[in-house]
Amino acid sequence: ALVRLGVLSAVQPHIVSAENVRATLALVERGV
């Protein structure tokens, strides 16, 4: 989706990867 919206290159340095979608959710829940 980020590629098709033309924003991945700008966003890539800020991405924090998690092992699955629930771990991703937890990062936002905890304010990380």
Full PDB file with SEQRES, HELIX, SHEET, SSBOND, CRYST1, ORIGX, SCALE, CONECT and MASTER records, all heavy atoms in Angstrom:
SEQRES   1 A   32  ALA LEU VAL ARG LEU GLY VAL LEU SER ALA VAL GLN PRO          
SEQRES   2 A   32  HIS ILE VAL SER ALA GLU ASN VAL ARG ALA THR LEU ALA          
SEQRES   3 A   32  LEU VAL GLU ARG GLY VAL                                      
HELIX    1 AA1 LEU A    8  VAL A   11  1                                   4    
HELIX    2 AA2 GLN A   12  HIS A   14  5                                   3    
HELIX    3 AA3 VAL A   21  GLU A   29  1                                   9    
CRYST1    1.000    1.000    1.000  90.00  90.00  90.00 P 1           1          
ORIGX1      1.000000  0.000000  0.000000        0.00000                         
ORIGX2      0.000000  1.000000  0.000000        0.00000                         
ORIGX3      0.000000  0.000000  1.000000        0.00000                         
SCALE1      1.000000  0.000000  0.000000        0.00000                         
SCALE2      0.000000  1.000000  0.000000        0.00000                         
SCALE3      0.000000  0.000000  1.000000        0.00000                         
ATOM      1  N   ALA A   1       0.830  -1.208   0.000  1.00  0.00           N  
ATOM      2  CA  ALA A   1       0.000   0.000   0.000  1.00  0.00           C  
ATOM      3  C   ALA A   1       0.863   1.257   0.000  1.00  0.00           C  
ATOM      4  O   ALA A   1       0.568   2.231  -0.719  1.00  0.00           O  
ATOM      5  CB  ALA A   1      -0.923  -0.007   1.220  1.00  0.00           C  
ATOM      6  N   LEU A   2       1.927   1.249   0.785  1.00  0.00           N  
ATOM      7  CA  LEU A   2       2.805   2.424   0.837  1.00  0.00           C  
ATOM      8  C   LEU A   2       3.510   2.644  -0.498  1.00  0.00           C  
ATOM      9  O   LEU A   2       3.716   3.797  -0.915  1.00  0.00           O  
ATOM     10  CB  LEU A   2       3.831   2.262   1.959  1.00  0.00           C  
ATOM     11  CG  LEU A   2       3.254   2.222   3.388  1.00  0.00           C  
ATOM     12  CD1 LEU A   2       4.377   2.023   4.399  1.00  0.00           C  
ATOM     13  CD2 LEU A   2       2.461   3.480   3.700  1.00  0.00           C  
ATOM     14  N   VAL A   3       3.865   1.562  -1.178  1.00  0.00           N  
ATOM     15  CA  VAL A   3       4.487   1.685  -2.502  1.00  0.00           C  
ATOM     16  C   VAL A   3       3.494   2.294  -3.483  1.00  0.00           C  
ATOM     17  O   VAL A   3       3.821   3.233  -4.226  1.00  0.00           O  
ATOM     18  CB  VAL A   3       4.970   0.302  -3.010  1.00  0.00           C  
ATOM     19  CG1 VAL A   3       5.325   0.370  -4.495  1.00  0.00           C  
ATOM     20  CG2 VAL A   3       6.173  -0.164  -2.212  1.00  0.00           C  
ATOM     21  N   ARG A   4       2.278   1.791  -3.504  1.00  0.00           N  
ATOM     22  CA  ARG A   4       1.286   2.265  -4.470  1.00  0.00           C  
ATOM     23  C   ARG A   4       0.867   3.713  -4.195  1.00  0.00           C  
ATOM     24  O   ARG A   4       0.459   4.424  -5.115  1.00  0.00           O  
ATOM     25  CB  ARG A   4       0.074   1.342  -4.467  1.00  0.00           C  
ATOM     26  CG  ARG A   4       0.402  -0.043  -5.028  1.00  0.00           C  
ATOM     27  CD  ARG A   4      -0.815  -0.918  -5.158  1.00  0.00           C  
ATOM     28  NE  ARG A   4      -0.463  -2.242  -5.663  1.00  0.00           N  
ATOM     29  CZ  ARG A   4      -1.310  -3.253  -5.799  1.00  0.00           C  
ATOM     30  NH1 ARG A   4      -2.592  -3.073  -5.490  1.00  0.00           N  
ATOM     31  NH2 ARG A   4      -0.902  -4.418  -6.244  1.00  0.00           N  
ATOM     32  N   LEU A   5       1.001   4.131  -2.933  1.00  0.00           N  
ATOM     33  CA  LEU A   5       0.705   5.523  -2.594  1.00  0.00           C  
ATOM     34  C   LEU A   5       1.923   6.426  -2.793  1.00  0.00           C  
ATOM     35  O   LEU A   5       1.834   7.641  -2.615  1.00  0.00           O  
ATOM     36  CB  LEU A   5       0.219   5.617  -1.142  1.00  0.00           C  
ATOM     37  CG  LEU A   5      -1.179   5.041  -0.880  1.00  0.00           C  
ATOM     38  CD1 LEU A   5      -1.428   4.911   0.615  1.00  0.00           C  
ATOM     39  CD2 LEU A   5      -2.251   5.911  -1.537  1.00  0.00           C  
ATOM     40  N   GLY A   6       3.037   5.829  -3.147  1.00  0.00           N  
ATOM     41  CA  GLY A   6       4.248   6.590  -3.457  1.00  0.00           C  
ATOM     42  C   GLY A   6       4.965   7.165  -2.249  1.00  0.00           C  
ATOM     43  O   GLY A   6       5.694   8.159  -2.377  1.00  0.00           O  
ATOM     44  N   VAL A   7       4.814   6.528  -1.067  1.00  0.00           N  
ATOM     45  CA  VAL A   7       5.407   7.112   0.137  1.00  0.00           C  
ATOM     46  C   VAL A   7       6.392   6.179   0.841  1.00  0.00           C  
ATOM     47  O   VAL A   7       6.979   6.553   1.854  1.00  0.00           O  
ATOM     48  CB  VAL A   7       4.315   7.533   1.141  1.00  0.00           C  
ATOM     49  CG1 VAL A   7       3.398   8.592   0.520  1.00  0.00           C  
ATOM     50  CG2 VAL A   7       3.501   6.341   1.629  1.00  0.00           C  
ATOM     51  N   LEU A   8       6.605   4.975   0.338  1.00  0.00           N  
ATOM     52  CA  LEU A   8       7.441   4.026   1.071  1.00  0.00           C  
ATOM     53  C   LEU A   8       8.859   4.523   1.280  1.00  0.00           C  
ATOM     54  O   LEU A   8       9.417   4.396   2.370  1.00  0.00           O  
ATOM     55  CB  LEU A   8       7.471   2.665   0.370  1.00  0.00           C  
ATOM     56  CG  LEU A   8       8.328   1.602   1.089  1.00  0.00           C  
ATOM     57  CD1 LEU A   8       7.774   1.313   2.478  1.00  0.00           C  
ATOM     58  CD2 LEU A   8       8.411   0.312   0.281  1.00  0.00           C  
ATOM     59  N   SER A   9       9.472   5.118   0.247  1.00  0.00           N  
ATOM     60  CA  SER A   9      10.867   5.551   0.383  1.00  0.00           C  
ATOM     61  C   SER A   9      11.017   6.591   1.480  1.00  0.00           C  
ATOM     62  O   SER A   9      12.007   6.592   2.226  1.00  0.00           O  
ATOM     63  CB  SER A   9      11.383   6.096  -0.950  1.00  0.00           C  
ATOM     64  OG  SER A   9      10.579   7.189  -1.381  1.00  0.00           O  
ATOM     65  N   ALA A  10      10.031   7.470   1.636  1.00  0.00           N  
ATOM     66  CA  ALA A  10      10.099   8.492   2.678  1.00  0.00           C  
ATOM     67  C   ALA A  10       9.829   7.901   4.058  1.00  0.00           C  
ATOM     68  O   ALA A  10      10.404   8.336   5.068  1.00  0.00           O  
ATOM     69  CB  ALA A  10       9.093   9.602   2.384  1.00  0.00           C  
ATOM     70  N   VAL A  11       8.972   6.902   4.103  1.00  0.00           N  
ATOM     71  CA  VAL A  11       8.549   6.333   5.389  1.00  0.00           C  
ATOM     72  C   VAL A  11       9.496   5.247   5.888  1.00  0.00           C  
ATOM     73  O   VAL A  11       9.650   5.045   7.093  1.00  0.00           O  
ATOM     74  CB  VAL A  11       7.114   5.769   5.248  1.00  0.00           C  
ATOM     75  CG1 VAL A  11       6.690   5.006   6.491  1.00  0.00           C  
ATOM     76  CG2 VAL A  11       6.127   6.887   4.946  1.00  0.00           C  
ATOM     77  N   GLN A  12      10.168   4.567   4.973  1.00  0.00           N  
ATOM     78  CA  GLN A  12      11.000   3.397   5.298  1.00  0.00           C  
ATOM     79  C   GLN A  12      11.939   3.604   6.492  1.00  0.00           C  
ATOM     80  O   GLN A  12      12.023   2.741   7.379  1.00  0.00           O  
ATOM     81  CB  GLN A  12      11.809   2.970   4.070  1.00  0.00           C  
ATOM     82  CG  GLN A  12      12.634   1.700   4.266  1.00  0.00           C  
ATOM     83  CD  GLN A  12      11.768   0.458   4.329  1.00  0.00           C  
ATOM     84  OE1 GLN A  12      10.982   0.191   3.424  1.00  0.00           O  
ATOM     85  NE2 GLN A  12      11.900  -0.319   5.398  1.00  0.00           N  
ATOM     86  N   PRO A  13      12.667   4.725   6.590  1.00  0.00           N  
ATOM     87  CA  PRO A  13      13.592   4.883   7.719  1.00  0.00           C  
ATOM     88  C   PRO A  13      12.907   4.944   9.081  1.00  0.00           C  
ATOM     89  O   PRO A  13      13.563   4.792  10.118  1.00  0.00           O  
ATOM     90  CB  PRO A  13      14.291   6.215   7.411  1.00  0.00           C  
ATOM     91  CG  PRO A  13      14.108   6.430   5.943  1.00  0.00           C  
ATOM     92  CD  PRO A  13      12.780   5.838   5.631  1.00  0.00           C  
ATOM     93  N   HIS A  14      11.608   5.157   9.096  1.00  0.00           N  
ATOM     94  CA  HIS A  14      10.879   5.321  10.355  1.00  0.00           C  
ATOM     95  C   HIS A  14      10.105   4.068  10.765  1.00  0.00           C  
ATOM     96  O   HIS A  14       9.466   4.065  11.820  1.00  0.00           O  
ATOM     97  CB  HIS A  14       9.909   6.504  10.232  1.00  0.00           C  
ATOM     98  CG  HIS A  14      10.572   7.778   9.820  1.00  0.00           C  
ATOM     99  ND1 HIS A  14      11.219   8.613  10.699  1.00  0.00           N  
ATOM    100  CD2 HIS A  14      10.725   8.332   8.584  1.00  0.00           C  
ATOM    101  CE1 HIS A  14      11.728   9.639  10.049  1.00  0.00           C  
ATOM    102  NE2 HIS A  14      11.436   9.502   8.761  1.00  0.00           N  
ATOM    103  N   ILE A  15      10.169   3.017   9.944  1.00  0.00           N  
ATOM    104  CA  ILE A  15       9.408   1.807  10.227  1.00  0.00           C  
ATOM    105  C   ILE A  15      10.058   0.990  11.339  1.00  0.00           C  
ATOM    106  O   ILE A  15      11.269   0.739  11.327  1.00  0.00           O  
ATOM    107  CB  ILE A  15       9.260   0.941   8.961  1.00  0.00           C  
ATOM    108  CG1 ILE A  15       8.363   1.655   7.938  1.00  0.00           C  
ATOM    109  CG2 ILE A  15       8.678  -0.425   9.297  1.00  0.00           C  
ATOM    110  CD1 ILE A  15       8.262   0.937   6.605  1.00  0.00           C  
ATOM    111  N   VAL A  16       9.257   0.589  12.305  1.00  0.00           N  
ATOM    112  CA  VAL A  16       9.670  -0.344  13.356  1.00  0.00           C  
ATOM    113  C   VAL A  16       8.909  -1.644  13.107  1.00  0.00           C  
ATOM    114  O   VAL A  16       7.679  -1.662  13.158  1.00  0.00           O  
ATOM    115  CB  VAL A  16       9.335   0.203  14.760  1.00  0.00           C  
ATOM    116  CG1 VAL A  16       9.699  -0.817  15.826  1.00  0.00           C  
ATOM    117  CG2 VAL A  16      10.061   1.511  15.006  1.00  0.00           C  
ATOM    118  N   SER A  17       9.638  -2.715  12.815  1.00  0.00           N  
ATOM    119  CA  SER A  17       8.996  -3.982  12.467  1.00  0.00           C  
ATOM    120  C   SER A  17       8.692  -4.816  13.706  1.00  0.00           C  
ATOM    121  O   SER A  17       9.467  -4.838  14.668  1.00  0.00           O  
ATOM    122  CB  SER A  17       9.879  -4.801  11.517  1.00  0.00           C  
ATOM    123  OG  SER A  17       9.935  -4.197  10.246  1.00  0.00           O  
ATOM    124  N   ALA A  18       7.558  -5.501  13.665  1.00  0.00           N  
ATOM    125  CA  ALA A  18       7.160  -6.422  14.723  1.00  0.00           C  
ATOM    126  C   ALA A  18       6.902  -7.786  14.093  1.00  0.00           C  
ATOM    127  O   ALA A  18       6.677  -7.901  12.889  1.00  0.00           O  
ATOM    128  CB  ALA A  18       5.908  -5.910  15.422  1.00  0.00           C  
ATOM    129  N   GLU A  19       6.920  -8.829  14.927  1.00  0.00           N  
ATOM    130  CA  GLU A  19       6.863 -10.180  14.361  1.00  0.00           C  
ATOM    131  C   GLU A  19       5.512 -10.533  13.753  1.00  0.00           C  
ATOM    132  O   GLU A  19       5.425 -11.389  12.880  1.00  0.00           O  
ATOM    133  CB  GLU A  19       7.247 -11.223  15.408  1.00  0.00           C  
ATOM    134  CG  GLU A  19       6.308 -11.323  16.586  1.00  0.00           C  
ATOM    135  CD  GLU A  19       6.701 -12.443  17.539  1.00  0.00           C  
ATOM    136  OE1 GLU A  19       7.422 -13.351  17.109  1.00  0.00           O  
ATOM    137  OE2 GLU A  19       6.296 -12.402  18.706  1.00  0.00           O  
ATOM    138  N   ASN A  20       4.438  -9.900  14.212  1.00  0.00           N  
ATOM    139  CA  ASN A  20       3.126 -10.144  13.622  1.00  0.00           C  
ATOM    140  C   ASN A  20       2.231  -8.937  13.875  1.00  0.00           C  
ATOM    141  O   ASN A  20       2.655  -7.952  14.491  1.00  0.00           O  
ATOM    142  CB  ASN A  20       2.496 -11.439  14.151  1.00  0.00           C  
ATOM    143  CG  ASN A  20       2.331 -11.437  15.657  1.00  0.00           C  
ATOM    144  OD1 ASN A  20       1.752 -10.515  16.225  1.00  0.00           O  
ATOM    145  ND2 ASN A  20       2.844 -12.461  16.317  1.00  0.00           N  
ATOM    146  N   VAL A  21       1.005  -9.005  13.404  1.00  0.00           N  
ATOM    147  CA  VAL A  21       0.125  -7.839  13.472  1.00  0.00           C  
ATOM    148  C   VAL A  21      -0.276  -7.502  14.912  1.00  0.00           C  
ATOM    149  O   VAL A  21      -0.460  -6.327  15.253  1.00  0.00           O  
ATOM    150  CB  VAL A  21      -1.114  -8.061  12.574  1.00  0.00           C  
ATOM    151  CG1 VAL A  21      -2.066  -9.086  13.172  1.00  0.00           C  
ATOM    152  CG2 VAL A  21      -1.839  -6.763  12.277  1.00  0.00           C  
ATOM    153  N   ARG A  22      -0.394  -8.498  15.782  1.00  0.00           N  
ATOM    154  CA  ARG A  22      -0.746  -8.212  17.168  1.00  0.00           C  
ATOM    155  C   ARG A  22       0.422  -7.583  17.925  1.00  0.00           C  
ATOM    156  O   ARG A  22       0.220  -6.748  18.817  1.00  0.00           O  
ATOM    157  CB  ARG A  22      -1.239  -9.479  17.864  1.00  0.00           C  
ATOM    158  CG  ARG A  22      -2.666  -9.854  17.450  1.00  0.00           C  
ATOM    159  CD  ARG A  22      -3.595  -8.641  17.613  1.00  0.00           C  
ATOM    160  NE  ARG A  22      -4.924  -8.863  17.095  1.00  0.00           N  
ATOM    161  CZ  ARG A  22      -5.948  -9.279  17.814  1.00  0.00           C  
ATOM    162  NH1 ARG A  22      -5.795  -9.532  19.101  1.00  0.00           N  
ATOM    163  NH2 ARG A  22      -7.118  -9.420  17.268  1.00  0.00           N  
ATOM    164  N   ALA A  23       1.633  -7.961  17.583  1.00  0.00           N  
ATOM    165  CA  ALA A  23       2.793  -7.300  18.175  1.00  0.00           C  
ATOM    166  C   ALA A  23       2.874  -5.852  17.687  1.00  0.00           C  
ATOM    167  O   ALA A  23       3.268  -4.953  18.442  1.00  0.00           O  
ATOM    168  CB  ALA A  23       4.071  -8.061  17.815  1.00  0.00           C  
ATOM    169  N   THR A  24       2.484  -5.616  16.448  1.00  0.00           N  
ATOM    170  CA  THR A  24       2.407  -4.252  15.911  1.00  0.00           C  
ATOM    171  C   THR A  24       1.402  -3.426  16.705  1.00  0.00           C  
ATOM    172  O   THR A  24       1.679  -2.290  17.114  1.00  0.00           O  
ATOM    173  CB  THR A  24       1.991  -4.281  14.430  1.00  0.00           C  
ATOM    174  OG1 THR A  24       2.915  -5.067  13.686  1.00  0.00           O  
ATOM    175  CG2 THR A  24       1.919  -2.881  13.842  1.00  0.00           C  
ATOM    176  N   LEU A  25       0.249  -3.988  16.915  1.00  0.00           N  
ATOM    177  CA  LEU A  25      -0.800  -3.312  17.682  1.00  0.00           C  
ATOM    178  C   LEU A  25      -0.302  -2.954  19.080  1.00  0.00           C  
ATOM    179  O   LEU A  25      -0.552  -1.850  19.583  1.00  0.00           O  
ATOM    180  CB  LEU A  25      -2.031  -4.213  17.771  1.00  0.00           C  
ATOM    181  CG  LEU A  25      -3.262  -3.645  18.472  1.00  0.00           C  
ATOM    182  CD1 LEU A  25      -3.875  -2.526  17.646  1.00  0.00           C  
ATOM    183  CD2 LEU A  25      -4.291  -4.758  18.709  1.00  0.00           C  
ATOM    184  N   ALA A  26       0.419  -3.863  19.707  1.00  0.00           N  
ATOM    185  CA  ALA A  26       0.920  -3.640  21.071  1.00  0.00           C  
ATOM    186  C   ALA A  26       1.881  -2.459  21.131  1.00  0.00           C  
ATOM    187  O   ALA A  26       1.910  -1.734  22.134  1.00  0.00           O  
ATOM    188  CB  ALA A  26       1.603  -4.904  21.583  1.00  0.00           C  
ATOM    189  N   LEU A  27       2.667  -2.232  20.083  1.00  0.00           N  
ATOM    190  CA  LEU A  27       3.599  -1.097  20.068  1.00  0.00           C  
ATOM    191  C   LEU A  27       2.847   0.228  20.132  1.00  0.00           C  
ATOM    192  O   LEU A  27       3.289   1.176  20.794  1.00  0.00           O  
ATOM    193  CB  LEU A  27       4.478  -1.155  18.816  1.00  0.00           C  
ATOM    194  CG  LEU A  27       5.500  -2.300  18.754  1.00  0.00           C  
ATOM    195  CD1 LEU A  27       6.222  -2.279  17.409  1.00  0.00           C  
ATOM    196  CD2 LEU A  27       6.499  -2.206  19.896  1.00  0.00           C  
ATOM    197  N   VAL A  28       1.712   0.286  19.452  1.00  0.00           N  
ATOM    198  CA  VAL A  28       0.900   1.509  19.498  1.00  0.00           C  
ATOM    199  C   VAL A  28       0.162   1.608  20.829  1.00  0.00           C  
ATOM    200  O   VAL A  28       0.076   2.687  21.426  1.00  0.00           O  
ATOM    201  CB  VAL A  28      -0.083   1.555  18.317  1.00  0.00           C  
ATOM    202  CG1 VAL A  28      -0.910   2.844  18.339  1.00  0.00           C  
ATOM    203  CG2 VAL A  28       0.668   1.442  16.983  1.00  0.00           C  
ATOM    204  N   GLU A  29      -0.349   0.494  21.318  1.00  0.00           N  
ATOM    205  CA  GLU A  29      -1.047   0.494  22.604  1.00  0.00           C  
ATOM    206  C   GLU A  29      -0.154   0.999  23.733  1.00  0.00           C  
ATOM    207  O   GLU A  29      -0.615   1.727  24.626  1.00  0.00           O  
ATOM    208  CB  GLU A  29      -1.535  -0.917  22.937  1.00  0.00           C  
ATOM    209  CG  GLU A  29      -2.677  -1.421  22.084  1.00  0.00           C  
ATOM    210  CD  GLU A  29      -3.040  -2.846  22.420  1.00  0.00           C  
ATOM    211  OE1 GLU A  29      -2.127  -3.642  22.755  1.00  0.00           O  
ATOM    212  OE2 GLU A  29      -4.230  -3.188  22.338  1.00  0.00           O  
ATOM    213  N   ARG A  30       1.126   0.623  23.682  1.00  0.00           N  
ATOM    214  CA  ARG A  30       2.067   0.997  24.757  1.00  0.00           C  
ATOM    215  C   ARG A  30       2.702   2.364  24.530  1.00  0.00           C  
ATOM    216  O   ARG A  30       3.493   2.821  25.351  1.00  0.00           O  
ATOM    217  CB  ARG A  30       3.154  -0.070  24.894  1.00  0.00           C  
ATOM    218  CG  ARG A  30       2.632  -1.430  25.338  1.00  0.00           C  
ATOM    219  CD  ARG A  30       3.740  -2.296  25.879  1.00  0.00           C  
ATOM    220  NE  ARG A  30       4.775  -2.557  24.901  1.00  0.00           N  
ATOM    221  CZ  ARG A  30       4.854  -3.650  24.157  1.00  0.00           C  
ATOM    222  NH1 ARG A  30       3.936  -4.606  24.289  1.00  0.00           N  
ATOM    223  NH2 ARG A  30       5.832  -3.831  23.295  1.00  0.00           N  
ATOM    224  N   GLY A  31       2.391   3.001  23.402  1.00  0.00           N  
ATOM    225  CA  GLY A  31       2.956   4.309  23.118  1.00  0.00           C  
ATOM    226  C   GLY A  31       4.362   4.287  22.575  1.00  0.00           C  
ATOM    227  O   GLY A  31       5.010   5.329  22.460  1.00  0.00           O  
ATOM    228  N   VAL A  32       4.846   3.107  22.212  1.00  0.00           N  
ATOM    229  CA  VAL A  32       6.187   3.001  21.629  1.00  0.00           C  
ATOM    230  C   VAL A  32       6.209   3.649  20.248  1.00  0.00           C  
ATOM    231  O   VAL A  32       7.206   4.260  19.849  1.00  0.00           O  
ATOM    232  CB  VAL A  32       6.619   1.517  21.534  1.00  0.00           C  
ATOM    233  CG1 VAL A  32       7.968   1.391  20.826  1.00  0.00           C  
ATOM    234  CG2 VAL A  32       6.682   0.899  22.924  1.00  0.00           C  
TER     235      VAL A  32                                                      
MASTER        0    0    0    3    0    0    0    6  234    1    0    3          
END                                                                             
